[in-house]
PDB file of N, CA and C in Angstrom:
ATOM      1  N   UNK A   1     -74.843-121.829 -61.732  1.00  0.00           N
ATOM      2  CA  UNK A   1     -73.699-122.693 -61.942  1.00  0.00           C
ATOM      3  C   UNK A   1     -73.885-123.627 -63.145  1.00  0.00           C
ATOM      4  N   UNK A   2     -72.890-123.670 -63.915  1.00  0.00           N
ATOM      5  CA  UNK A   2     -73.017-124.394 -65.299  1.00  0.00           C
ATOM      6  C   UNK A   2     -72.737-125.750 -65.077  1.00  0.00           C
ATOM      7  N   UNK A   3     -73.007-126.570 -66.091  1.00  0.00           N
ATOM      8  CA  UNK A   3     -72.673-127.979 -66.099  1.00  0.00           C
ATOM      9  C   UNK A   3     -71.086-128.226 -65.877  1.00  0.00           C
ATOM     10  N   UNK A   4     -70.436-127.455 -66.667  1.00  0.00           N
ATOM     11  CA  UNK A   4     -68.969-127.510 -66.585  1.00  0.00           C
ATOM     12  C   UNK A   4     -68.342-127.201 -65.090  1.00  0.00           C
ATOM     13  N   UNK A   5     -68.874-126.371 -64.467  1.00  0.00           N
ATOM     14  CA  UNK A   5     -68.648-126.034 -63.047  1.00  0.00           C
ATOM     15  C   UNK A   5     -68.931-127.293 -62.103  1.00  0.00           C
ATOM     16  N   UNK A   6     -70.014-127.871 -62.431  1.00  0.00           N
ATOM     17  CA  UNK A   6     -70.554-129.006 -61.539  1.00  0.00           C
ATOM     18  C   UNK A   6     -69.492-130.193 -61.920  1.00  0.00           C
ATOM     19  N   UNK A   7     -69.186-130.379 -63.048  1.00  0.00           N
ATOM     20  CA  UNK A   7     -68.163-131.485 -63.463  1.00  0.00           C
ATOM     21  C   UNK A   7     -66.858-131.158 -62.749  1.00  0.00           C
ATOM     22  N   UNK A   8     -66.442-129.824 -62.926  1.00  0.00           N
ATOM     23  CA  UNK A   8     -65.100-129.528 -62.471  1.00  0.00           C
ATOM     24  C   UNK A   8     -65.132-129.770 -60.825  1.00  0.00           C
ATOM     25  N   UNK A   9     -66.257-129.418 -60.200  1.00  0.00           N
ATOM     26  CA  UNK A   9     -66.337-129.628 -58.728  1.00  0.00           C
ATOM     27  C   UNK A   9     -66.382-131.005 -58.437  1.00  0.00           C
ATOM     28  N   UNK A  10     -67.021-131.958 -59.142  1.00  0.00           N
ATOM     29  CA  UNK A  10     -66.958-133.280 -58.821  1.00  0.00           C
ATOM     30  C   UNK A  10     -65.457-133.906 -58.967  1.00  0.00           C
ATOM     31  N   UNK A  11     -64.766-133.439 -60.036  1.00  0.00           N
ATOM     32  CA  UNK A  11     -63.444-133.786 -60.223  1.00  0.00           C
ATOM     33  C   UNK A  11     -62.499-133.472 -58.976  1.00  0.00           C
ATOM     34  N   UNK A  12     -62.626-132.199 -58.569  1.00  0.00           N
ATOM     35  CA  UNK A  12     -61.923-131.780 -57.390  1.00  0.00           C
ATOM     36  C   UNK A  12     -62.289-132.531 -56.300  1.00  0.00           C
ATOM     37  N   UNK A  13     -63.559-132.791 -55.915  1.00  0.00           N
ATOM     38  CA  UNK A  13     -63.910-133.593 -54.703  1.00  0.00           C
ATOM     39  C   UNK A  13     -63.350-135.014 -54.859  1.00  0.00           C
ATOM     40  N   UNK A  14     -63.400-135.619 -55.933  1.00  0.00           N
ATOM     41  CA  UNK A  14     -62.792-136.924 -56.151  1.00  0.00           C
ATOM     42  C   UNK A  14     -61.327-136.970 -55.750  1.00  0.00           C
ATOM     43  N   UNK A  15     -60.623-135.985 -56.368  1.00  0.00           N
ATOM     44  CA  UNK A  15     -59.187-135.877 -56.060  1.00  0.00           C
ATOM     45  C   UNK A  15     -58.924-135.654 -54.487  1.00  0.00           C
ATOM     46  N   UNK A  16     -59.863-134.947 -54.011  1.00  0.00           N
ATOM     47  CA  UNK A  16     -59.668-134.682 -52.506  1.00  0.00           C
ATOM     48  C   UNK A  16     -59.814-135.901 -51.810  1.00  0.00           C
ATOM     49  N   UNK A  17     -60.877-136.562 -52.052  1.00  0.00           N
ATOM     50  CA  UNK A  17     -61.256-137.940 -51.534  1.00  0.00           C
ATOM     51  C   UNK A  17     -60.044-138.974 -51.628  1.00  0.00           C
ATOM     52  N   UNK A  18     -59.520-138.971 -52.708  1.00  0.00           N
ATOM     53  CA  UNK A  18     -58.322-139.784 -52.986  1.00  0.00           C
ATOM     54  C   UNK A  18     -57.134-139.454 -52.152  1.00  0.00           C
ATOM     55  N   UNK A  19     -56.975-138.208 -51.775  1.00  0.00           N
ATOM     56  CA  UNK A  19     -55.831-137.692 -50.966  1.00  0.00           C
ATOM     57  C   UNK A  19     -56.228-138.304 -49.545  1.00  0.00           C
ATOM     58  N   UNK A  20     -57.477-138.122 -49.234  1.00  0.00           N
ATOM     59  CA  UNK A  20     -57.857-138.644 -47.882  1.00  0.00           C
ATOM     60  C   UNK A  20     -57.602-140.123 -47.657  1.00  0.00           C
ATOM     61  N   UNK A  21     -58.002-140.917 -48.672  1.00  0.00           N
ATOM     62  CA  UNK A  21     -57.760-142.360 -48.531  1.00  0.00           C
ATOM     63  C   UNK A  21     -56.383-142.715 -48.536  1.00  0.00           C
ATOM     64  N   UNK A  22     -55.410-141.837 -49.049  1.00  0.00           N
ATOM     65  CA  UNK A  22     -54.060-142.127 -49.016  1.00  0.00           C
ATOM     66  C   UNK A  22     -53.395-141.873 -47.644  1.00  0.00           C
ATOM     67  N   UNK A  23     -54.105-141.321 -46.867  1.00  0.00           N
ATOM     68  CA  UNK A  23     -53.556-141.103 -45.360  1.00  0.00           C
ATOM     69  C   UNK A  23     -53.517-142.287 -44.706  1.00  0.00           C
ATOM     70  N   UNK A  24     -52.687-142.255 -43.700  1.00  0.00           N
ATOM     71  CA  UNK A  24     -52.736-143.456 -42.795  1.00  0.00           C
ATOM     72  C   UNK A  24     -54.141-143.563 -42.024  1.00  0.00           C
ATOM     73  N   UNK A  25     -54.548-144.773 -41.628  1.00  0.00           N
ATOM     74  CA  UNK A  25     -55.837-144.957 -41.237  1.00  0.00           C
ATOM     75  C   UNK A  25     -56.268-144.170 -39.912  1.00  0.00           C
ATOM     76  N   UNK A  26     -55.426-143.890 -38.996  1.00  0.00           N
ATOM     77  CA  UNK A  26     -55.833-143.017 -38.047  1.00  0.00           C
ATOM     78  C   UNK A  26     -56.103-141.616 -38.439  1.00  0.00           C
ATOM     79  N   UNK A  27     -55.371-141.097 -39.368  1.00  0.00           N
ATOM     80  CA  UNK A  27     -55.661-139.688 -39.990  1.00  0.00           C
ATOM     81  C   UNK A  27     -56.971-139.776 -40.637  1.00  0.00           C
ATOM     82  N   UNK A  28     -57.289-140.849 -41.353  1.00  0.00           N
ATOM     83  CA  UNK A  28     -58.529-141.001 -41.990  1.00  0.00           C
ATOM     84  C   UNK A  28     -59.766-140.882 -41.039  1.00  0.00           C
ATOM     85  N   UNK A  29     -59.573-141.630 -39.948  1.00  0.00           N
ATOM     86  CA  UNK A  29     -60.660-141.652 -39.076  1.00  0.00           C
ATOM     87  C   UNK A  29     -60.983-140.277 -38.414  1.00  0.00           C
ATOM     88  N   UNK A  30     -59.846-139.739 -38.094  1.00  0.00           N
ATOM     89  CA  UNK A  30     -59.995-138.270 -37.485  1.00  0.00           C
ATOM     90  C   UNK A  30     -60.523-137.269 -38.568  1.00  0.00           C
ATOM     91  N   UNK A  31     -59.982-137.306 -39.790  1.00  0.00           N
ATOM     92  CA  UNK A  31     -60.388-136.454 -40.811  1.00  0.00           C
ATOM     93  C   UNK A  31     -62.061-136.683 -41.022  1.00  0.00           C
ATOM     94  N   UNK A  32     -62.475-137.863 -41.039  1.00  0.00           N
ATOM     95  CA  UNK A  32     -63.943-138.120 -41.258  1.00  0.00           C
ATOM     96  C   UNK A  32     -64.771-137.457 -40.017  1.00  0.00           C
ATOM     97  N   UNK A  33     -64.186-137.624 -38.871  1.00  0.00           N
ATOM     98  CA  UNK A  33     -64.902-136.977 -37.692  1.00  0.00           C
ATOM     99  C   UNK A  33     -64.924-135.485 -37.905  1.00  0.00           C
ATOM    100  N   UNK A  34     -63.902-134.809 -38.206  1.00  0.00           N
ATOM    101  CA  UNK A  34     -63.606-133.491 -38.484  1.00  0.00           C
ATOM    102  C   UNK A  34     -64.754-132.990 -39.510  1.00  0.00           C
ATOM    103  N   UNK A  35     -64.713-133.785 -40.549  1.00  0.00           N
ATOM    104  CA  UNK A  35     -65.746-133.484 -41.794  1.00  0.00           C
ATOM    105  C   UNK A  35     -67.071-133.417 -41.233  1.00  0.00           C
ATOM    106  N   UNK A  36     -67.467-134.401 -40.563  1.00  0.00           N
ATOM    107  CA  UNK A  36     -68.854-134.555 -39.959  1.00  0.00           C
ATOM    108  C   UNK A  36     -69.101-133.298 -39.072  1.00  0.00           C
ATOM    109  N   UNK A  37     -68.157-133.084 -38.111  1.00  0.00           N
ATOM    110  CA  UNK A  37     -68.314-131.876 -37.080  1.00  0.00           C
ATOM    111  C   UNK A  37     -68.579-130.657 -38.006  1.00  0.00           C
ATOM    112  N   UNK A  38     -67.668-130.548 -39.065  1.00  0.00           N
ATOM    113  CA  UNK A  38     -67.641-129.196 -39.693  1.00  0.00           C
ATOM    114  C   UNK A  38     -69.068-129.028 -40.558  1.00  0.00           C
ATOM    115  N   UNK A  39     -69.544-130.136 -41.046  1.00  0.00           N
ATOM    116  CA  UNK A  39     -70.832-130.142 -41.766  1.00  0.00           C
ATOM    117  C   UNK A  39     -71.916-129.859 -40.836  1.00  0.00           C
ATOM    118  N   UNK A  40     -71.886-130.376 -39.552  1.00  0.00           N
ATOM    119  CA  UNK A  40     -72.909-129.946 -38.626  1.00  0.00           C
ATOM    120  C   UNK A  40     -72.767-128.602 -38.161  1.00  0.00           C
ATOM    121  N   UNK A  41     -71.619-128.021 -37.809  1.00  0.00           N
ATOM    122  CA  UNK A  41     -71.494-126.613 -37.362  1.00  0.00           C
ATOM    123  C   UNK A  41     -71.703-125.673 -38.520  1.00  0.00           C
ATOM    124  N   UNK A  42     -71.376-126.043 -39.635  1.00  0.00           N
ATOM    125  CA  UNK A  42     -71.774-125.286 -40.882  1.00  0.00           C
ATOM    126  C   UNK A  42     -71.039-123.962 -41.168  1.00  0.00           C
ATOM    127  N   UNK A  43     -69.684-123.994 -41.219  1.00  0.00           N
ATOM    128  CA  UNK A  43     -69.068-122.678 -41.666  1.00  0.00           C
ATOM    129  C   UNK A  43     -69.491-122.499 -43.149  1.00  0.00           C
ATOM    130  N   UNK A  44     -69.763-121.197 -43.521  1.00  0.00           N
ATOM    131  CA  UNK A  44     -70.286-121.067 -44.873  1.00  0.00           C
ATOM    132  C   UNK A  44     -69.177-121.351 -45.867  1.00  0.00           C
ATOM    133  N   UNK A  45     -67.919-121.071 -45.718  1.00  0.00           N
ATOM    134  CA  UNK A  45     -67.011-121.283 -46.776  1.00  0.00           C
ATOM    135  C   UNK A  45     -66.775-122.675 -46.995  1.00  0.00           C
ATOM    136  N   UNK A  46     -67.267-123.578 -46.117  1.00  0.00           N
ATOM    137  CA  UNK A  46     -67.030-125.091 -46.438  1.00  0.00           C
ATOM    138  C   UNK A  46     -67.758-125.552 -47.661  1.00  0.00           C
ATOM    139  N   UNK A  47     -68.755-124.759 -48.051  1.00  0.00           N
ATOM    140  CA  UNK A  47     -69.553-125.275 -49.214  1.00  0.00           C
ATOM    141  C   UNK A  47     -68.942-124.500 -50.499  1.00  0.00           C
ATOM    142  N   UNK A  48     -67.892-123.680 -50.272  1.00  0.00           N
ATOM    143  CA  UNK A  48     -67.217-123.064 -51.425  1.00  0.00           C
ATOM    144  C   UNK A  48     -65.933-123.629 -51.745  1.00  0.00           C
ATOM    145  N   UNK A  49     -66.035-124.755 -52.541  1.00  0.00           N
ATOM    146  CA  UNK A  49     -64.944-125.638 -52.885  1.00  0.00           C
ATOM    147  C   UNK A  49     -64.434-126.456 -51.716  1.00  0.00           C
ATOM    148  N   UNK A  50     -63.201-126.852 -51.632  1.00  0.00           N
ATOM    149  CA  UNK A  50     -62.731-127.828 -50.613  1.00  0.00           C
ATOM    150  C   UNK A  50     -61.558-127.144 -49.929  1.00  0.00           C
ATOM    151  N   UNK A  51     -61.591-125.814 -49.929  1.00  0.00           N
ATOM    152  CA  UNK A  51     -60.377-124.980 -49.338  1.00  0.00           C
ATOM    153  C   UNK A  51     -60.063-125.389 -47.884  1.00  0.00           C
ATOM    154  N   UNK A  52     -61.041-125.319 -46.977  1.00  0.00           N
ATOM    155  CA  UNK A  52     -60.825-125.702 -45.594  1.00  0.00           C
ATOM    156  C   UNK A  52     -60.415-127.147 -45.445  1.00  0.00           C
ATOM    157  N   UNK A  53     -61.133-127.979 -46.076  1.00  0.00           N
ATOM    158  CA  UNK A  53     -60.872-129.403 -45.907  1.00  0.00           C
ATOM    159  C   UNK A  53     -59.624-129.796 -46.578  1.00  0.00           C
ATOM    160  N   UNK A  54     -59.156-129.140 -47.753  1.00  0.00           N
ATOM    161  CA  UNK A  54     -57.876-129.364 -48.437  1.00  0.00           C
ATOM    162  C   UNK A  54     -56.779-128.833 -47.487  1.00  0.00           C
ATOM    163  N   UNK A  55     -56.946-127.904 -46.815  1.00  0.00           N
ATOM    164  CA  UNK A  55     -55.965-127.497 -45.847  1.00  0.00           C
ATOM    165  C   UNK A  55     -55.740-128.397 -44.747  1.00  0.00           C
ATOM    166  N   UNK A  56     -56.807-128.970 -44.221  1.00  0.00           N
ATOM    167  CA  UNK A  56     -56.674-129.968 -43.187  1.00  0.00           C
ATOM    168  C   UNK A  56     -55.826-131.221 -43.703  1.00  0.00           C
ATOM    169  N   UNK A  57     -56.180-131.725 -44.994  1.00  0.00           N
ATOM    170  CA  UNK A  57     -55.563-132.798 -45.566  1.00  0.00           C
ATOM    171  C   UNK A  57     -54.091-132.433 -45.736  1.00  0.00           C
ATOM    172  N   UNK A  58     -53.807-131.198 -46.249  1.00  0.00           N
ATOM    173  CA  UNK A  58     -52.395-130.761 -46.154  1.00  0.00           C
ATOM    174  C   UNK A  58     -51.635-130.949 -44.957  1.00  0.00           C
ATOM    175  N   UNK A  59     -52.300-130.399 -43.846  1.00  0.00           N
ATOM    176  CA  UNK A  59     -51.722-130.507 -42.575  1.00  0.00           C
ATOM    177  C   UNK A  59     -51.652-131.902 -42.241  1.00  0.00           C
ATOM    178  N   UNK A  60     -52.537-132.890 -42.483  1.00  0.00           N
ATOM    179  CA  UNK A  60     -52.468-134.271 -42.012  1.00  0.00           C
ATOM    180  C   UNK A  60     -51.321-134.909 -43.001  1.00  0.00           C
ATOM    181  N   UNK A  61     -51.320-134.602 -44.196  1.00  0.00           N
ATOM    182  CA  UNK A  61     -50.135-135.238 -45.021  1.00  0.00           C
ATOM    183  C   UNK A  61     -48.793-134.911 -44.483  1.00  0.00           C
ATOM    184  N   UNK A  62     -48.688-133.603 -44.012  1.00  0.00           N
ATOM    185  CA  UNK A  62     -47.299-133.140 -43.618  1.00  0.00           C
ATOM    186  C   UNK A  62     -47.087-133.904 -42.235  1.00  0.00           C
ATOM    187  N   UNK A  63     -48.120-133.966 -41.303  1.00  0.00           N
ATOM    188  CA  UNK A  63     -47.986-134.712 -40.037  1.00  0.00           C
ATOM    189  C   UNK A  63     -47.561-136.191 -40.266  1.00  0.00           C
ATOM    190  N   UNK A  64     -48.245-136.861 -41.231  1.00  0.00           N
ATOM    191  CA  UNK A  64     -47.960-138.251 -41.450  1.00  0.00           C
ATOM    192  C   UNK A  64     -46.609-138.438 -42.133  1.00  0.00           C
ATOM    193  N   UNK A  65     -46.171-137.491 -42.917  1.00  0.00           N
ATOM    194  CA  UNK A  65     -44.815-137.472 -43.492  1.00  0.00           C
ATOM    195  C   UNK A  65     -43.745-137.547 -42.388  1.00  0.00           C
ATOM    196  N   UNK A  66     -44.022-136.551 -41.365  1.00  0.00           N
ATOM    197  CA  UNK A  66     -43.016-136.450 -40.302  1.00  0.00           C
ATOM    198  C   UNK A  66     -43.200-137.489 -39.290  1.00  0.00           C
ATOM    199  N   UNK A  67     -44.064-138.573 -39.446  1.00  0.00           N
ATOM    200  CA  UNK A  67     -44.185-139.656 -38.565  1.00  0.00           C
ATOM    201  C   UNK A  67     -44.956-139.375 -37.278  1.00  0.00           C
ATOM    202  N   UNK A  68     -45.765-138.260 -37.353  1.00  0.00           N
ATOM    203  CA  UNK A  68     -46.512-137.883 -36.127  1.00  0.00           C
ATOM    204  C   UNK A  68     -47.809-138.585 -36.028  1.00  0.00           C
ATOM    205  N   UNK A  69     -48.190-138.867 -34.885  1.00  0.00           N
ATOM    206  CA  UNK A  69     -49.641-139.367 -34.736  1.00  0.00           C
ATOM    207  C   UNK A  69     -50.627-138.220 -35.020  1.00  0.00           C
ATOM    208  N   UNK A  70     -51.789-138.642 -35.405  1.00  0.00           N
ATOM    209  CA  UNK A  70     -52.783-137.690 -35.790  1.00  0.00           C
ATOM    210  C   UNK A  70     -53.146-136.804 -34.651  1.00  0.00           C
ATOM    211  N   UNK A  71     -53.226-137.343 -33.373  1.00  0.00           N
ATOM    212  CA  UNK A  71     -53.576-136.565 -32.214  1.00  0.00           C
ATOM    213  C   UNK A  71     -52.496-135.507 -31.860  1.00  0.00           C
ATOM    214  N   UNK A  72     -51.206-135.861 -32.343  1.00  0.00           N
ATOM    215  CA  UNK A  72     -49.996-134.931 -32.085  1.00  0.00           C
ATOM    216  C   UNK A  72     -50.382-133.744 -32.912  1.00  0.00           C
ATOM    217  N   UNK A  73     -51.000-133.843 -34.137  1.00  0.00           N
ATOM    218  CA  UNK A  73     -51.220-132.765 -35.019  1.00  0.00           C
ATOM    219  C   UNK A  73     -52.455-131.950 -34.475  1.00  0.00           C
ATOM    220  N   UNK A  74     -53.528-132.519 -34.054  1.00  0.00           N
ATOM    221  CA  UNK A  74     -54.727-131.963 -33.866  1.00  0.00           C
ATOM    222  C   UNK A  74     -54.923-131.494 -32.311  1.00  0.00           C
ATOM    223  N   UNK A  75     -54.070-132.358 -31.417  1.00  0.00           N
ATOM    224  CA  UNK A  75     -54.388-132.222 -30.069  1.00  0.00           C
ATOM    225  C   UNK A  75     -55.442-133.328 -29.728  1.00  0.00           C
ATOM    226  N   UNK A  76     -55.544-133.493 -28.516  1.00  0.00           N
ATOM    227  CA  UNK A  76     -56.581-134.584 -27.965  1.00  0.00           C
ATOM    228  C   UNK A  76     -57.902-134.122 -28.084  1.00  0.00           C
ATOM    229  N   UNK A  77     -58.185-132.775 -28.143  1.00  0.00           N
ATOM    230  CA  UNK A  77     -59.686-132.371 -28.223  1.00  0.00           C
ATOM    231  C   UNK A  77     -59.840-131.908 -29.609  1.00  0.00           C
ATOM    232  N   UNK A  78     -60.239-132.775 -30.475  1.00  0.00           N
ATOM    233  CA  UNK A  78     -60.485-132.617 -31.903  1.00  0.00           C
ATOM    234  C   UNK A  78     -61.541-131.648 -32.110  1.00  0.00           C
ATOM    235  N   UNK A  79     -62.652-131.538 -31.419  1.00  0.00           N
ATOM    236  CA  UNK A  79     -63.638-130.566 -31.590  1.00  0.00           C
ATOM    237  C   UNK A  79     -63.060-129.103 -31.308  1.00  0.00           C
ATOM    238  N   UNK A  80     -62.318-129.014 -30.365  1.00  0.00           N
ATOM    239  CA  UNK A  80     -61.630-127.716 -30.120  1.00  0.00           C
ATOM    240  C   UNK A  80     -60.691-127.311 -31.268  1.00  0.00           C
ATOM    241  N   UNK A  81     -59.962-128.292 -31.808  1.00  0.00           N
ATOM    242  CA  UNK A  81     -59.134-127.988 -32.969  1.00  0.00           C
ATOM    243  C   UNK A  81     -60.006-127.395 -34.112  1.00  0.00           C
ATOM    244  N   UNK A  82     -61.230-128.010 -34.486  1.00  0.00           N
ATOM    245  CA  UNK A  82     -62.081-127.493 -35.420  1.00  0.00           C
ATOM    246  C   UNK A  82     -62.593-126.171 -35.106  1.00  0.00           C
ATOM    247  N   UNK A  83     -63.063-125.905 -33.829  1.00  0.00           N
ATOM    248  CA  UNK A  83     -63.602-124.702 -33.550  1.00  0.00           C
ATOM    249  C   UNK A  83     -62.505-123.693 -33.673  1.00  0.00           C
ATOM    250  N   UNK A  84     -61.238-123.893 -33.382  1.00  0.00           N
ATOM    251  CA  UNK A  84     -60.217-122.955 -33.600  1.00  0.00           C
ATOM    252  C   UNK A  84     -59.986-122.653 -35.140  1.00  0.00           C
ATOM    253  N   UNK A  85     -60.189-123.660 -35.867  1.00  0.00           N
ATOM    254  CA  UNK A  85     -60.088-123.539 -37.436  1.00  0.00           C
ATOM    255  C   UNK A  85     -61.135-122.530 -37.963  1.00  0.00           C
ATOM    256  N   UNK A  86     -62.276-122.611 -37.376  1.00  0.00           N
ATOM    257  CA  UNK A  86     -63.379-121.772 -37.831  1.00  0.00           C
ATOM    258  C   UNK A  86     -63.803-120.585 -37.066  1.00  0.00           C
ATOM    259  N   UNK A  87     -63.041-120.335 -36.090  1.00  0.00           N
ATOM    260  CA  UNK A  87     -63.465-119.291 -35.090  1.00  0.00           C
ATOM    261  C   UNK A  87     -63.683-117.894 -35.640  1.00  0.00           C
ATOM    262  N   UNK A  88     -63.153-117.592 -36.728  1.00  0.00           N
ATOM    263  CA  UNK A  88     -63.393-116.282 -37.549  1.00  0.00           C
ATOM    264  C   UNK A  88     -64.375-116.443 -38.695  1.00  0.00           C
ATOM    265  N   UNK A  89     -64.913-117.643 -38.980  1.00  0.00           N
ATOM    266  CA  UNK A  89     -65.760-117.910 -40.012  1.00  0.00           C
ATOM    267  C   UNK A  89     -67.185-117.755 -39.692  1.00  0.00           C
ATOM    268  N   UNK A  90     -68.002-117.142 -40.703  1.00  0.00           N
ATOM    269  CA  UNK A  90     -69.362-117.102 -40.386  1.00  0.00           C
ATOM    270  C   UNK A  90     -70.029-118.553 -40.694  1.00  0.00           C
ATOM    271  N   UNK A  91     -70.879-118.914 -39.847  1.00  0.00           N
ATOM    272  CA  UNK A  91     -71.573-120.168 -40.008  1.00  0.00           C
ATOM    273  C   UNK A  91     -73.002-119.947 -40.283  1.00  0.00           C
ATOM    274  N   UNK A  92     -73.687-120.994 -40.799  1.00  0.00           N
ATOM    275  CA  UNK A  92     -75.099-120.874 -41.097  1.00  0.00           C
ATOM    276  C   UNK A  92     -75.943-120.645 -39.892  1.00  0.00           C
ATOM    277  N   UNK A  93     -75.419-121.049 -38.610  1.00  0.00           N
ATOM    278  CA  UNK A  93     -76.002-120.703 -37.401  1.00  0.00           C
ATOM    279  C   UNK A  93     -75.985-119.116 -37.171  1.00  0.00           C
ATOM    280  N   UNK A  94     -74.885-118.566 -37.508  1.00  0.00           N
ATOM    281  CA  UNK A  94     -74.790-117.081 -37.341  1.00  0.00           C
ATOM    282  C   UNK A  94     -75.847-116.371 -38.273  1.00  0.00           C
ATOM    283  N   UNK A  95     -75.849-116.917 -39.505  1.00  0.00           N
ATOM    284  CA  UNK A  95     -76.708-116.226 -40.463  1.00  0.00           C
ATOM    285  C   UNK A  95     -78.208-116.425 -40.009  1.00  0.00           C
ATOM    286  N   UNK A  96     -78.519-117.620 -39.371  1.00  0.00           N
ATOM    287  CA  UNK A  96     -79.964-117.913 -38.945  1.00  0.00           C
ATOM    288  C   UNK A  96     -80.214-117.077 -37.643  1.00  0.00           C
ATOM    289  N   UNK A  97     -79.254-116.836 -36.696  1.00  0.00           N
ATOM    290  CA  UNK A  97     -79.450-116.024 -35.575  1.00  0.00           C
ATOM    291  C   UNK A  97     -79.713-114.581 -36.013  1.00  0.00           C
ATOM    292  N   UNK A  98     -78.917-114.137 -37.058  1.00  0.00           N
ATOM    293  CA  UNK A  98     -79.110-112.696 -37.522  1.00  0.00           C
ATOM    294  C   UNK A  98     -80.480-112.567 -38.032  1.00  0.00           C
ATOM    295  N   UNK A  99     -80.939-113.592 -38.775  1.00  0.00           N
ATOM    296  CA  UNK A  99     -82.329-113.561 -39.363  1.00  0.00           C
ATOM    297  C   UNK A  99     -83.472-113.534 -38.332  1.00  0.00           C
ATOM    298  N   UNK A 100     -83.341-114.359 -37.255  1.00  0.00           N
ATOM    299  CA  UNK A 100     -84.151-114.244 -36.335  1.00  0.00           C
ATOM    300  C   UNK A 100     -84.227-113.008 -35.449  1.00  0.00           C
ATOM    301  N   UNK A 101     -83.101-112.551 -35.230  1.00  0.00           N
ATOM    302  CA  UNK A 101     -82.989-111.168 -34.517  1.00  0.00           C
ATOM    303  C   UNK A 101     -83.550-110.063 -35.472  1.00  0.00           C
ATOM    304  N   UNK A 102     -83.399-110.049 -36.726  1.00  0.00           N
ATOM    305  CA  UNK A 102     -84.100-109.100 -37.575  1.00  0.00           C
ATOM    306  C   UNK A 102     -85.552-109.184 -37.614  1.00  0.00           C
ATOM    307  N   UNK A 103     -86.110-110.506 -37.521  1.00  0.00           N
ATOM    308  CA  UNK A 103     -87.482-110.667 -37.526  1.00  0.00           C
ATOM    309  C   UNK A 103     -88.099-110.119 -36.321  1.00  0.00           C
ATOM    310  N   UNK A 104     -87.536-110.483 -35.163  1.00  0.00           N
ATOM    311  CA  UNK A 104     -87.855-110.072 -33.785  1.00  0.00           C
ATOM    312  C   UNK A 104     -87.920-108.535 -33.719  1.00  0.00           C
ATOM    313  N   UNK A 105     -86.866-107.868 -34.300  1.00  0.00           N
ATOM    314  CA  UNK A 105     -86.748-106.435 -34.305  1.00  0.00           C
ATOM    315  C   UNK A 105     -87.867-105.740 -35.169  1.00  0.00           C
ATOM    316  N   UNK A 106     -88.195-106.420 -36.270  1.00  0.00           N
ATOM    317  CA  UNK A 106     -89.246-106.021 -37.125  1.00  0.00           C
ATOM    318  C   UNK A 106     -90.558-105.972 -36.401  1.00  0.00           C
ATOM    319  N   UNK A 107     -90.805-107.162 -35.796  1.00  0.00           N
ATOM    320  CA  UNK A 107     -92.093-107.405 -35.120  1.00  0.00           C
ATOM    321  C   UNK A 107     -92.158-106.331 -33.985  1.00  0.00           C
ATOM    322  N   UNK A 108     -91.279-106.266 -33.148  1.00  0.00           N
ATOM    323  CA  UNK A 108     -91.152-105.295 -31.984  1.00  0.00           C
ATOM    324  C   UNK A 108     -91.440-103.776 -32.430  1.00  0.00           C
ATOM    325  N   UNK A 109     -90.738-103.526 -33.580  1.00  0.00           N
ATOM    326  CA  UNK A 109     -91.107-102.078 -34.133  1.00  0.00           C
ATOM    327  C   UNK A 109     -92.537-101.904 -34.507  1.00  0.00           C
ATOM    328  N   UNK A 110     -93.260-102.955 -35.119  1.00  0.00           N
ATOM    329  CA  UNK A 110     -94.593-102.859 -35.473  1.00  0.00           C
ATOM    330  C   UNK A 110     -95.325-102.818 -34.311  1.00  0.00           C
ATOM    331  N   UNK A 111     -95.057-103.433 -33.277  1.00  0.00           N
ATOM    332  CA  UNK A 111     -95.797-103.404 -31.934  1.00  0.00           C
ATOM    333  C   UNK A 111     -95.633-101.996 -31.278  1.00  0.00           C
ATOM    334  N   UNK A 112     -94.440-101.475 -31.263  1.00  0.00           N
ATOM    335  CA  UNK A 112     -94.166-100.173 -30.790  1.00  0.00           C
ATOM    336  C   UNK A 112     -94.767 -99.071 -31.547  1.00  0.00           C
ATOM    337  N   UNK A 113     -94.848 -99.166 -32.950  1.00  0.00           N
ATOM    338  CA  UNK A 113     -95.402 -98.165 -33.789  1.00  0.00           C
ATOM    339  C   UNK A 113     -97.035 -98.270 -33.718  1.00  0.00           C
ATOM    340  N   UNK A 114     -97.501 -99.341 -33.344  1.00  0.00           N
ATOM    341  CA  UNK A 114     -99.075 -99.416 -33.121  1.00  0.00           C
ATOM    342  C   UNK A 114     -99.470 -98.837 -31.791  1.00  0.00           C
ATOM    343  N   UNK A 115     -98.566 -98.786 -30.722  1.00  0.00           N
ATOM    344  CA  UNK A 115     -98.744 -98.124 -29.647  1.00  0.00           C
ATOM    345  C   UNK A 115     -98.767 -96.643 -29.611  1.00  0.00           C
ATOM    346  N   UNK A 116     -98.077 -96.085 -30.646  1.00  0.00           N
ATOM    347  CA  UNK A 116     -98.018 -94.741 -30.610  1.00  0.00           C
ATOM    348  C   UNK A 116     -99.180 -94.012 -31.266  1.00  0.00           C
TER     349      UNK A 116
END
């Protein structure tokens, strides 16, 4: 990653944060909780630009423009809303599970090969 890429990424992030701050207060609160949840759950594409997060802001801006409450947009179970957004996404947990399974399989193969 070049310095130019880093600077461009920071500009994009600042613009994204400005959009979030322009949302009504209830939307900002729910957005921040969604962001925390997604950072903990760890969908891989979350670190690739602001695509998923920008899509959420787009949805929230539209809901606010229509005069909807934030929970009318997400539903009352915000974690389920998040899970639905990333249901087809690969997470860091998935990658780690695959790694653990590969290591176990390698170790078991060695044990099996030694018994032969």
